[in-house]
């Protein structure tokens, strides 16, 4: 009787351990790690005094960070990628930031 209960409990534990993967194929630990990386990157970008990265979206998937949004210059695009690479846990950066084009008046689109 004790053996069958132990086997049943062990079976449930095994099912629970394998059932921790979500529909995306990521484990709970990977999801938390990606969330932490995203938060750290966003914090680092918003804390940068040299640039205005308020229009940058950050998404992390298994340590690969995707940057998207709009920045005023190519220098700021490069700076965002540089700052992102400095965050622990970042494996690669996909820099999909767009450079905002000036209007005919010479001002950036608002």
PDB file of N, CA and C in Angstrom:
ATOM      1  N   UNK A   1       0.832  -1.190   0.000  1.00  0.00           N
ATOM      2  CA  UNK A   1       0.000   0.000   0.000  1.00  0.00           C
ATOM      3  C   UNK A   1       0.878   1.256   0.000  1.00  0.00           C
ATOM      4  N   UNK A   2       1.901   1.238   0.862  1.00  0.00           N
ATOM      5  CA  UNK A   2       2.792   2.393   0.946  1.00  0.00           C
ATOM      6  C   UNK A   2       3.533   2.609  -0.360  1.00  0.00           C
ATOM      7  N   UNK A   3       3.930   1.512  -0.997  1.00  0.00           N
ATOM      8  CA  UNK A   3       4.635   1.624  -2.279  1.00  0.00           C
ATOM      9  C   UNK A   3       3.746   2.230  -3.355  1.00  0.00           C
ATOM     10  N   UNK A   4       2.513   1.839  -3.406  1.00  0.00           N
ATOM     11  CA  UNK A   4       1.613   2.360  -4.431  1.00  0.00           C
ATOM     12  C   UNK A   4       1.314   3.846  -4.197  1.00  0.00           C
ATOM     13  N   UNK A   5       1.216   4.242  -2.928  1.00  0.00           N
ATOM     14  CA  UNK A   5       1.003   5.662  -2.627  1.00  0.00           C
ATOM     15  C   UNK A   5       2.243   6.471  -2.980  1.00  0.00           C
ATOM     16  N   UNK A   6       3.409   5.927  -2.672  1.00  0.00           N
ATOM     17  CA  UNK A   6       4.660   6.598  -3.006  1.00  0.00           C
ATOM     18  C   UNK A   6       4.795   6.737  -4.517  1.00  0.00           C
ATOM     19  N   UNK A   7       4.459   5.687  -5.241  1.00  0.00           N
ATOM     20  CA  UNK A   7       4.520   5.725  -6.698  1.00  0.00           C
ATOM     21  C   UNK A   7       3.538   6.753  -7.257  1.00  0.00           C
ATOM     22  N   UNK A   8       2.359   6.823  -6.675  1.00  0.00           N
ATOM     23  CA  UNK A   8       1.350   7.782  -7.136  1.00  0.00           C
ATOM     24  C   UNK A   8       1.818   9.218  -6.889  1.00  0.00           C
ATOM     25  N   UNK A   9       2.366   9.467  -5.709  1.00  0.00           N
ATOM     26  CA  UNK A   9       2.863  10.806  -5.378  1.00  0.00           C
ATOM     27  C   UNK A   9       4.022  11.173  -6.303  1.00  0.00           C
ATOM     28  N   UNK A  10       4.929  10.232  -6.510  1.00  0.00           N
ATOM     29  CA  UNK A  10       6.057  10.467  -7.406  1.00  0.00           C
ATOM     30  C   UNK A  10       5.572  10.763  -8.826  1.00  0.00           C
ATOM     31  N   UNK A  11       4.571  10.045  -9.267  1.00  0.00           N
ATOM     32  CA  UNK A  11       3.989  10.286 -10.591  1.00  0.00           C
ATOM     33  C   UNK A  11       3.394  11.682 -10.695  1.00  0.00           C
ATOM     34  N   UNK A  12       2.683  12.102  -9.652  1.00  0.00           N
ATOM     35  CA  UNK A  12       2.100  13.449  -9.651  1.00  0.00           C
ATOM     36  C   UNK A  12       3.177  14.535  -9.667  1.00  0.00           C
ATOM     37  N   UNK A  13       4.250  14.307  -8.909  1.00  0.00           N
ATOM     38  CA  UNK A  13       5.353  15.261  -8.886  1.00  0.00           C
ATOM     39  C   UNK A  13       5.992  15.360 -10.269  1.00  0.00           C
ATOM     40  N   UNK A  14       6.186  14.231 -10.918  1.00  0.00           N
ATOM     41  CA  UNK A  14       6.781  14.220 -12.263  1.00  0.00           C
ATOM     42  C   UNK A  14       5.874  14.958 -13.254  1.00  0.00           C
ATOM     43  N   UNK A  15       4.563  14.721 -13.166  1.00  0.00           N
ATOM     44  CA  UNK A  15       3.624  15.406 -14.062  1.00  0.00           C
ATOM     45  C   UNK A  15       3.641  16.901 -13.802  1.00  0.00           C
ATOM     46  N   UNK A  16       3.697  17.287 -12.559  1.00  0.00           N
ATOM     47  CA  UNK A  16       3.715  18.713 -12.218  1.00  0.00           C
ATOM     48  C   UNK A  16       4.986  19.365 -12.719  1.00  0.00           C
ATOM     49  N   UNK A  17       6.105  18.674 -12.599  1.00  0.00           N
ATOM     50  CA  UNK A  17       7.383  19.234 -13.048  1.00  0.00           C
ATOM     51  C   UNK A  17       7.404  19.420 -14.558  1.00  0.00           C
ATOM     52  N   UNK A  18       6.871  18.463 -15.287  1.00  0.00           N
ATOM     53  CA  UNK A  18       6.857  18.605 -16.747  1.00  0.00           C
ATOM     54  C   UNK A  18       5.737  19.534 -17.186  1.00  0.00           C
ATOM     55  N   UNK A  19       4.730  19.701 -16.362  1.00  0.00           N
ATOM     56  CA  UNK A  19       3.621  20.577 -16.707  1.00  0.00           C
ATOM     57  C   UNK A  19       3.899  22.038 -16.445  1.00  0.00           C
ATOM     58  N   UNK A  20       5.098  22.377 -15.973  1.00  0.00           N
ATOM     59  CA  UNK A  20       5.423  23.763 -15.678  1.00  0.00           C
ATOM     60  C   UNK A  20       5.745  24.571 -16.928  1.00  0.00           C
ATOM     61  N   UNK A  21       5.864  23.919 -18.055  1.00  0.00           N
ATOM     62  CA  UNK A  21       6.119  24.664 -19.279  1.00  0.00           C
ATOM     63  C   UNK A  21       4.805  25.240 -19.780  1.00  0.00           C
ATOM     64  N   UNK A  22       4.851  26.470 -20.206  1.00  0.00           N
ATOM     65  CA  UNK A  22       3.653  27.133 -20.707  1.00  0.00           C
ATOM     66  C   UNK A  22       3.463  26.793 -22.177  1.00  0.00           C
ATOM     67  N   UNK A  23       2.467  27.373 -22.786  1.00  0.00           N
ATOM     68  CA  UNK A  23       2.197  27.164 -24.208  1.00  0.00           C
ATOM     69  C   UNK A  23       3.339  27.686 -25.070  1.00  0.00           C
ATOM     70  N   UNK A  24       4.134  28.585 -24.562  1.00  0.00           N
ATOM     71  CA  UNK A  24       5.249  29.130 -25.328  1.00  0.00           C
ATOM     72  C   UNK A  24       6.461  28.220 -25.295  1.00  0.00           C
ATOM     73  N   UNK A  25       6.421  27.186 -24.474  1.00  0.00           N
ATOM     74  CA  UNK A  25       7.550  26.275 -24.359  1.00  0.00           C
ATOM     75  C   UNK A  25       8.570  26.722 -23.328  1.00  0.00           C
ATOM     76  N   UNK A  26       8.301  27.833 -22.648  1.00  0.00           N
ATOM     77  CA  UNK A  26       9.223  28.333 -21.629  1.00  0.00           C
ATOM     78  C   UNK A  26       8.804  27.811 -20.277  1.00  0.00           C
ATOM     79  N   UNK A  27       9.784  27.487 -19.437  1.00  0.00           N
ATOM     80  CA  UNK A  27       9.483  27.082 -18.078  1.00  0.00           C
ATOM     81  C   UNK A  27       9.176  28.326 -17.254  1.00  0.00           C
ATOM     82  N   UNK A  28       8.652  28.130 -16.065  1.00  0.00           N
ATOM     83  CA  UNK A  28       8.352  29.265 -15.183  1.00  0.00           C
ATOM     84  C   UNK A  28       9.607  30.056 -14.879  1.00  0.00           C
ATOM     85  N   UNK A  29      10.727  29.373 -14.678  1.00  0.00           N
ATOM     86  CA  UNK A  29      11.991  30.051 -14.398  1.00  0.00           C
ATOM     87  C   UNK A  29      12.450  30.909 -15.560  1.00  0.00           C
ATOM     88  N   UNK A  30      12.270  30.407 -16.793  1.00  0.00           N
ATOM     89  CA  UNK A  30      12.652  31.186 -17.968  1.00  0.00           C
ATOM     90  C   UNK A  30      11.769  32.416 -18.116  1.00  0.00           C
ATOM     91  N   UNK A  31      10.479  32.262 -17.838  1.00  0.00           N
ATOM     92  CA  UNK A  31       9.569  33.403 -17.934  1.00  0.00           C
ATOM     93  C   UNK A  31       9.939  34.480 -16.937  1.00  0.00           C
ATOM     94  N   UNK A  32      10.255  34.069 -15.708  1.00  0.00           N
ATOM     95  CA  UNK A  32      10.628  35.044 -14.690  1.00  0.00           C
ATOM     96  C   UNK A  32      11.949  35.705 -15.057  1.00  0.00           C
ATOM     97  N   UNK A  33      12.864  34.937 -15.588  1.00  0.00           N
ATOM     98  CA  UNK A  33      14.148  35.488 -15.966  1.00  0.00           C
ATOM     99  C   UNK A  33      13.975  36.498 -17.105  1.00  0.00           C
ATOM    100  N   UNK A  34      13.155  36.157 -18.094  1.00  0.00           N
ATOM    101  CA  UNK A  34      12.905  37.081 -19.199  1.00  0.00           C
ATOM    102  C   UNK A  34      12.219  38.352 -18.711  1.00  0.00           C
ATOM    103  N   UNK A  35      11.299  38.195 -17.776  1.00  0.00           N
ATOM    104  CA  UNK A  35      10.622  39.367 -17.205  1.00  0.00           C
ATOM    105  C   UNK A  35      11.614  40.247 -16.458  1.00  0.00           C
ATOM    106  N   UNK A  36      12.516  39.616 -15.727  1.00  0.00           N
ATOM    107  CA  UNK A  36      13.523  40.374 -14.983  1.00  0.00           C
ATOM    108  C   UNK A  36      14.464  41.102 -15.939  1.00  0.00           C
ATOM    109  N   UNK A  37      14.871  40.436 -17.010  1.00  0.00           N
ATOM    110  CA  UNK A  37      15.741  41.076 -18.004  1.00  0.00           C
ATOM    111  C   UNK A  37      15.031  42.264 -18.627  1.00  0.00           C
ATOM    112  N   UNK A  38      13.771  42.086 -19.013  1.00  0.00           N
ATOM    113  CA  UNK A  38      12.998  43.182 -19.607  1.00  0.00           C
ATOM    114  C   UNK A  38      12.932  44.369 -18.660  1.00  0.00           C
ATOM    115  N   UNK A  39      12.646  44.111 -17.389  1.00  0.00           N
ATOM    116  CA  UNK A  39      12.552  45.194 -16.402  1.00  0.00           C
ATOM    117  C   UNK A  39      13.889  45.902 -16.230  1.00  0.00           C
ATOM    118  N   UNK A  40      14.975  45.132 -16.186  1.00  0.00           N
ATOM    119  CA  UNK A  40      16.303  45.740 -16.019  1.00  0.00           C
ATOM    120  C   UNK A  40      16.683  46.581 -17.231  1.00  0.00           C
ATOM    121  N   UNK A  41      16.374  46.090 -18.425  1.00  0.00           N
ATOM    122  CA  UNK A  41      16.681  46.856 -19.646  1.00  0.00           C
ATOM    123  C   UNK A  41      15.866  48.149 -19.664  1.00  0.00           C
ATOM    124  N   UNK A  42      14.575  48.054 -19.386  1.00  0.00           N
ATOM    125  CA  UNK A  42      13.732  49.251 -19.375  1.00  0.00           C
ATOM    126  C   UNK A  42      14.239  50.262 -18.359  1.00  0.00           C
ATOM    127  N   UNK A  43      14.614  49.788 -17.198  1.00  0.00           N
ATOM    128  CA  UNK A  43      15.137  50.670 -16.155  1.00  0.00           C
ATOM    129  C   UNK A  43      16.418  51.347 -16.612  1.00  0.00           C
ATOM    130  N   UNK A  44      17.309  50.576 -17.221  1.00  0.00           N
ATOM    131  CA  UNK A  44      18.584  51.121 -17.684  1.00  0.00           C
ATOM    132  C   UNK A  44      18.363  52.164 -18.786  1.00  0.00           C
ATOM    133  N   UNK A  45      17.434  51.894 -19.684  1.00  0.00           N
ATOM    134  CA  UNK A  45      17.161  52.836 -20.771  1.00  0.00           C
ATOM    135  C   UNK A  45      16.539  54.137 -20.256  1.00  0.00           C
ATOM    136  N   UNK A  46      15.603  54.025 -19.331  1.00  0.00           N
ATOM    137  CA  UNK A  46      14.952  55.239 -18.835  1.00  0.00           C
ATOM    138  C   UNK A  46      15.864  56.044 -17.912  1.00  0.00           C
ATOM    139  N   UNK A  47      16.834  55.369 -17.287  1.00  0.00           N
ATOM    140  CA  UNK A  47      17.765  56.073 -16.398  1.00  0.00           C
ATOM    141  C   UNK A  47      18.877  56.794 -17.161  1.00  0.00           C
ATOM    142  N   UNK A  48      19.049  56.484 -18.441  1.00  0.00           N
ATOM    143  CA  UNK A  48      20.122  57.097 -19.226  1.00  0.00           C
ATOM    144  C   UNK A  48      19.824  58.577 -19.449  1.00  0.00           C
ATOM    145  N   UNK A  49      20.698  59.424 -18.964  1.00  0.00           N
ATOM    146  CA  UNK A  49      20.482  60.878 -19.050  1.00  0.00           C
ATOM    147  C   UNK A  49      20.862  61.458 -20.416  1.00  0.00           C
ATOM    148  N   UNK A  50      21.632  60.723 -21.186  1.00  0.00           N
ATOM    149  CA  UNK A  50      22.071  61.231 -22.485  1.00  0.00           C
ATOM    150  C   UNK A  50      21.004  61.108 -23.564  1.00  0.00           C
ATOM    151  N   UNK A  51      20.051  60.232 -23.358  1.00  0.00           N
ATOM    152  CA  UNK A  51      19.060  59.963 -24.401  1.00  0.00           C
ATOM    153  C   UNK A  51      17.658  59.945 -23.820  1.00  0.00           C
ATOM    154  N   UNK A  52      16.683  60.020 -24.713  1.00  0.00           N
ATOM    155  CA  UNK A  52      15.286  59.962 -24.321  1.00  0.00           C
ATOM    156  C   UNK A  52      14.698  58.681 -24.912  1.00  0.00           C
ATOM    157  N   UNK A  53      14.644  57.620 -24.102  1.00  0.00           N
ATOM    158  CA  UNK A  53      14.180  56.336 -24.594  1.00  0.00           C
ATOM    159  C   UNK A  53      12.762  56.017 -24.136  1.00  0.00           C
ATOM    160  N   UNK A  54      11.918  57.028 -24.024  1.00  0.00           N
ATOM    161  CA  UNK A  54      10.554  56.808 -23.556  1.00  0.00           C
ATOM    162  C   UNK A  54       9.686  56.114 -24.603  1.00  0.00           C
ATOM    163  N   UNK A  55      10.108  56.122 -25.862  1.00  0.00           N
ATOM    164  CA  UNK A  55       9.305  55.507 -26.920  1.00  0.00           C
ATOM    165  C   UNK A  55       9.922  54.180 -27.392  1.00  0.00           C
ATOM    166  N   UNK A  56      10.639  53.509 -26.504  1.00  0.00           N
ATOM    167  CA  UNK A  56      11.271  52.233 -26.825  1.00  0.00           C
ATOM    168  C   UNK A  56      10.538  51.115 -26.081  1.00  0.00           C
ATOM    169  N   UNK A  57      10.108  50.110 -26.835  1.00  0.00           N
ATOM    170  CA  UNK A  57       9.477  48.935 -26.248  1.00  0.00           C
ATOM    171  C   UNK A  57      10.519  47.825 -26.138  1.00  0.00           C
ATOM    172  N   UNK A  58      10.473  47.095 -25.036  1.00  0.00           N
ATOM    173  CA  UNK A  58      11.438  46.024 -24.775  1.00  0.00           C
ATOM    174  C   UNK A  58      10.666  44.721 -24.578  1.00  0.00           C
ATOM    175  N   UNK A  59      11.085  43.679 -25.284  1.00  0.00           N
ATOM    176  CA  UNK A  59      10.492  42.353 -25.131  1.00  0.00           C
ATOM    177  C   UNK A  59      11.629  41.341 -25.108  1.00  0.00           C
ATOM    178  N   UNK A  60      11.572  40.413 -24.171  1.00  0.00           N
ATOM    179  CA  UNK A  60      12.641  39.422 -24.024  1.00  0.00           C
ATOM    180  C   UNK A  60      12.074  38.020 -24.170  1.00  0.00           C
ATOM    181  N   UNK A  61      12.743  37.223 -24.960  1.00  0.00           N
ATOM    182  CA  UNK A  61      12.359  35.835 -25.187  1.00  0.00           C
ATOM    183  C   UNK A  61      13.606  34.965 -25.084  1.00  0.00           C
ATOM    184  N   UNK A  62      13.698  34.206 -23.982  1.00  0.00           N
ATOM    185  CA  UNK A  62      14.840  33.318 -23.734  1.00  0.00           C
ATOM    186  C   UNK A  62      16.177  34.043 -23.803  1.00  0.00           C
ATOM    187  N   UNK A  63      16.209  35.232 -23.226  1.00  0.00           N
ATOM    188  CA  UNK A  63      17.452  36.007 -23.146  1.00  0.00           C
ATOM    189  C   UNK A  63      17.745  36.856 -24.363  1.00  0.00           C
ATOM    190  N   UNK A  64      16.914  36.753 -25.387  1.00  0.00           N
ATOM    191  CA  UNK A  64      17.085  37.564 -26.592  1.00  0.00           C
ATOM    192  C   UNK A  64      16.155  38.760 -26.467  1.00  0.00           C
ATOM    193  N   UNK A  65      16.748  39.955 -26.454  1.00  0.00           N
ATOM    194  CA  UNK A  65      15.978  41.176 -26.238  1.00  0.00           C
ATOM    195  C   UNK A  65      15.658  41.826 -27.586  1.00  0.00           C
ATOM    196  N   UNK A  66      14.381  42.144 -27.776  1.00  0.00           N
ATOM    197  CA  UNK A  66      13.926  42.837 -28.974  1.00  0.00           C
ATOM    198  C   UNK A  66      13.578  44.266 -28.597  1.00  0.00           C
ATOM    199  N   UNK A  67      14.255  45.204 -29.231  1.00  0.00           N
ATOM    200  CA  UNK A  67      13.960  46.622 -29.038  1.00  0.00           C
ATOM    201  C   UNK A  67      13.151  47.101 -30.231  1.00  0.00           C
ATOM    202  N   UNK A  68      12.060  47.798 -29.959  1.00  0.00           N
ATOM    203  CA  UNK A  68      11.260  48.379 -31.035  1.00  0.00           C
ATOM    204  C   UNK A  68      10.754  49.735 -30.582  1.00  0.00           C
ATOM    205  N   UNK A  69      10.377  50.539 -31.546  1.00  0.00           N
ATOM    206  CA  UNK A  69       9.908  51.881 -31.246  1.00  0.00           C
ATOM    207  C   UNK A  69      10.642  52.895 -32.097  1.00  0.00           C
ATOM    208  N   UNK A  70      10.658  54.134 -31.631  1.00  0.00           N
ATOM    209  CA  UNK A  70      11.214  55.239 -32.413  1.00  0.00           C
ATOM    210  C   UNK A  70      12.198  56.032 -31.562  1.00  0.00           C
ATOM    211  N   UNK A  71      13.330  56.354 -32.178  1.00  0.00           N
ATOM    212  CA  UNK A  71      14.325  57.236 -31.558  1.00  0.00           C
ATOM    213  C   UNK A  71      14.684  58.329 -32.558  1.00  0.00           C
ATOM    214  N   UNK A  72      15.144  59.481 -32.079  1.00  0.00           N
ATOM    215  CA  UNK A  72      15.430  60.602 -32.975  1.00  0.00           C
ATOM    216  C   UNK A  72      16.656  60.418 -33.876  1.00  0.00           C
ATOM    217  N   UNK A  73      17.684  59.690 -33.403  1.00  0.00           N
ATOM    218  CA  UNK A  73      18.932  59.636 -34.178  1.00  0.00           C
ATOM    219  C   UNK A  73      19.510  58.225 -34.223  1.00  0.00           C
ATOM    220  N   UNK A  74      20.418  58.015 -35.175  1.00  0.00           N
ATOM    221  CA  UNK A  74      21.125  56.739 -35.279  1.00  0.00           C
ATOM    222  C   UNK A  74      22.007  56.509 -34.060  1.00  0.00           C
ATOM    223  N   UNK A  75      22.538  57.582 -33.502  1.00  0.00           N
ATOM    224  CA  UNK A  75      23.373  57.466 -32.313  1.00  0.00           C
ATOM    225  C   UNK A  75      22.566  56.918 -31.135  1.00  0.00           C
ATOM    226  N   UNK A  76      21.345  57.388 -30.995  1.00  0.00           N
ATOM    227  CA  UNK A  76      20.500  56.900 -29.901  1.00  0.00           C
ATOM    228  C   UNK A  76      20.088  55.448 -30.135  1.00  0.00           C
ATOM    229  N   UNK A  77      19.893  55.068 -31.378  1.00  0.00           N
ATOM    230  CA  UNK A  77      19.590  53.677 -31.700  1.00  0.00           C
ATOM    231  C   UNK A  77      20.748  52.780 -31.247  1.00  0.00           C
ATOM    232  N   UNK A  78      21.965  53.192 -31.580  1.00  0.00           N
ATOM    233  CA  UNK A  78      23.154  52.432 -31.185  1.00  0.00           C
ATOM    234  C   UNK A  78      23.321  52.433 -29.664  1.00  0.00           C
ATOM    235  N   UNK A  79      23.045  53.557 -29.035  1.00  0.00           N
ATOM    236  CA  UNK A  79      23.184  53.672 -27.571  1.00  0.00           C
ATOM    237  C   UNK A  79      22.208  52.740 -26.863  1.00  0.00           C
ATOM    238  N   UNK A  80      20.998  52.637 -27.362  1.00  0.00           N
ATOM    239  CA  UNK A  80      20.009  51.749 -26.751  1.00  0.00           C
ATOM    240  C   UNK A  80      20.482  50.301 -26.801  1.00  0.00           C
ATOM    241  N   UNK A  81      21.046  49.884 -27.920  1.00  0.00           N
ATOM    242  CA  UNK A  81      21.563  48.521 -28.043  1.00  0.00           C
ATOM    243  C   UNK A  81      22.752  48.304 -27.110  1.00  0.00           C
ATOM    244  N   UNK A  82      23.612  49.301 -27.024  1.00  0.00           N
ATOM    245  CA  UNK A  82      24.790  49.214 -26.158  1.00  0.00           C
ATOM    246  C   UNK A  82      24.381  49.052 -24.693  1.00  0.00           C
ATOM    247  N   UNK A  83      23.437  49.862 -24.246  1.00  0.00           N
ATOM    248  CA  UNK A  83      22.961  49.783 -22.859  1.00  0.00           C
ATOM    249  C   UNK A  83      22.293  48.431 -22.594  1.00  0.00           C
ATOM    250  N   UNK A  84      21.547  47.941 -23.571  1.00  0.00           N
ATOM    251  CA  UNK A  84      20.859  46.661 -23.419  1.00  0.00           C
ATOM    252  C   UNK A  84      21.858  45.521 -23.249  1.00  0.00           C
ATOM    253  N   UNK A  85      22.927  45.536 -24.016  1.00  0.00           N
ATOM    254  CA  UNK A  85      23.947  44.481 -23.928  1.00  0.00           C
ATOM    255  C   UNK A  85      24.630  44.447 -22.557  1.00  0.00           C
ATOM    256  N   UNK A  86      24.589  45.552 -21.832  1.00  0.00           N
ATOM    257  CA  UNK A  86      25.228  45.627 -20.526  1.00  0.00           C
ATOM    258  C   UNK A  86      24.428  44.921 -19.425  1.00  0.00           C
ATOM    259  N   UNK A  87      23.181  44.589 -19.698  1.00  0.00           N
ATOM    260  CA  UNK A  87      22.323  43.967 -18.692  1.00  0.00           C
ATOM    261  C   UNK A  87      22.642  42.469 -18.592  1.00  0.00           C
ATOM    262  N   UNK A  88      22.821  42.016 -17.369  1.00  0.00           N
ATOM    263  CA  UNK A  88      23.122  40.611 -17.126  1.00  0.00           C
ATOM    264  C   UNK A  88      21.984  39.728 -17.622  1.00  0.00           C
ATOM    265  N   UNK A  89      22.326  38.653 -18.313  1.00  0.00           N
ATOM    266  CA  UNK A  89      21.333  37.710 -18.810  1.00  0.00           C
ATOM    267  C   UNK A  89      20.963  37.920 -20.261  1.00  0.00           C
ATOM    268  N   UNK A  90      21.351  39.063 -20.834  1.00  0.00           N
ATOM    269  CA  UNK A  90      21.045  39.327 -22.244  1.00  0.00           C
ATOM    270  C   UNK A  90      21.990  38.502 -23.103  1.00  0.00           C
ATOM    271  N   UNK A  91      21.418  37.654 -23.946  1.00  0.00           N
ATOM    272  CA  UNK A  91      22.222  36.814 -24.837  1.00  0.00           C
ATOM    273  C   UNK A  91      22.447  37.490 -26.182  1.00  0.00           C
ATOM    274  N   UNK A  92      21.419  38.192 -26.651  1.00  0.00           N
ATOM    275  CA  UNK A  92      21.500  38.862 -27.955  1.00  0.00           C
ATOM    276  C   UNK A  92      20.492  40.005 -27.982  1.00  0.00           C
ATOM    277  N   UNK A  93      20.786  41.023 -28.809  1.00  0.00           N
ATOM    278  CA  UNK A  93      19.887  42.164 -28.954  1.00  0.00           C
ATOM    279  C   UNK A  93      19.460  42.273 -30.418  1.00  0.00           C
ATOM    280  N   UNK A  94      18.153  42.269 -30.640  1.00  0.00           N
ATOM    281  CA  UNK A  94      17.599  42.561 -31.959  1.00  0.00           C
ATOM    282  C   UNK A  94      17.136  44.018 -31.924  1.00  0.00           C
ATOM    283  N   UNK A  95      17.905  44.875 -32.561  1.00  0.00           N
ATOM    284  CA  UNK A  95      17.615  46.313 -32.515  1.00  0.00           C
ATOM    285  C   UNK A  95      16.734  46.682 -33.704  1.00  0.00           C
ATOM    286  N   UNK A  96      15.429  46.719 -33.468  1.00  0.00           N
ATOM    287  CA  UNK A  96      14.456  47.062 -34.496  1.00  0.00           C
ATOM    288  C   UNK A  96      13.960  48.503 -34.353  1.00  0.00           C
ATOM    289  N   UNK A  97      14.747  49.338 -33.682  1.00  0.00           N
ATOM    290  CA  UNK A  97      14.346  50.733 -33.482  1.00  0.00           C
ATOM    291  C   UNK A  97      14.365  51.469 -34.813  1.00  0.00           C
ATOM    292  N   UNK A  98      13.391  52.330 -34.991  1.00  0.00           N
ATOM    293  CA  UNK A  98      13.301  53.161 -36.189  1.00  0.00           C
ATOM    294  C   UNK A  98      13.796  54.566 -35.854  1.00  0.00           C
ATOM    295  N   UNK A  99      14.449  55.178 -36.811  1.00  0.00           N
ATOM    296  CA  UNK A  99      14.928  56.551 -36.620  1.00  0.00           C
ATOM    297  C   UNK A  99      13.862  57.487 -37.165  1.00  0.00           C
ATOM    298  N   UNK A 100      13.449  58.411 -36.293  1.00  0.00           N
ATOM    299  CA  UNK A 100      12.394  59.356 -36.649  1.00  0.00           C
ATOM    300  C   UNK A 100      12.922  60.354 -37.665  1.00  0.00           C
ATOM    301  N   UNK A 101      12.163  60.545 -38.727  1.00  0.00           N
ATOM    302  CA  UNK A 101      12.574  61.493 -39.765  1.00  0.00           C
ATOM    303  C   UNK A 101      12.056  62.885 -39.427  1.00  0.00           C
ATOM    304  N   UNK A 102      12.876  63.915 -39.683  1.00  0.00           N
ATOM    305  CA  UNK A 102      12.423  65.285 -39.445  1.00  0.00           C
ATOM    306  C   UNK A 102      11.338  65.682 -40.453  1.00  0.00           C
ATOM    307  N   UNK A 103      10.459  66.567 -40.022  1.00  0.00           N
ATOM    308  CA  UNK A 103       9.434  67.060 -40.933  1.00  0.00           C
ATOM    309  C   UNK A 103      10.049  68.149 -41.830  1.00  0.00           C
ATOM    310  N   UNK A 104       9.273  68.690 -42.722  1.00  0.00           N
ATOM    311  CA  UNK A 104       9.751  69.728 -43.641  1.00  0.00           C
ATOM    312  C   UNK A 104      10.199  70.988 -42.905  1.00  0.00           C
ATOM    313  N   UNK A 105       9.690  71.186 -41.700  1.00  0.00           N
ATOM    314  CA  UNK A 105      10.066  72.364 -40.924  1.00  0.00           C
ATOM    315  C   UNK A 105      11.383  72.151 -40.187  1.00  0.00           C
ATOM    316  N   UNK A 106      11.923  70.925 -40.280  1.00  0.00           N
ATOM    317  CA  UNK A 106      13.173  70.635 -39.599  1.00  0.00           C
ATOM    318  C   UNK A 106      13.004  70.087 -38.210  1.00  0.00           C
ATOM    319  N   UNK A 107      11.762  70.045 -37.721  1.00  0.00           N
ATOM    320  CA  UNK A 107      11.489  69.508 -36.383  1.00  0.00           C
ATOM    321  C   UNK A 107      11.118  68.048 -36.518  1.00  0.00           C
ATOM    322  N   UNK A 108      11.351  67.304 -35.468  1.00  0.00           N
ATOM    323  CA  UNK A 108      10.977  65.906 -35.442  1.00  0.00           C
ATOM    324  C   UNK A 108       9.469  65.803 -35.286  1.00  0.00           C
ATOM    325  N   UNK A 109       8.881  64.737 -35.866  1.00  0.00           N
ATOM    326  CA  UNK A 109       7.454  64.500 -35.697  1.00  0.00           C
ATOM    327  C   UNK A 109       7.155  64.255 -34.230  1.00  0.00           C
ATOM    328  N   UNK A 110       6.091  64.778 -33.769  1.00  0.00           N
ATOM    329  CA  UNK A 110       5.725  64.638 -32.357  1.00  0.00           C
ATOM    330  C   UNK A 110       4.605  63.647 -32.226  1.00  0.00           C
TER     331      UNK A 110
END
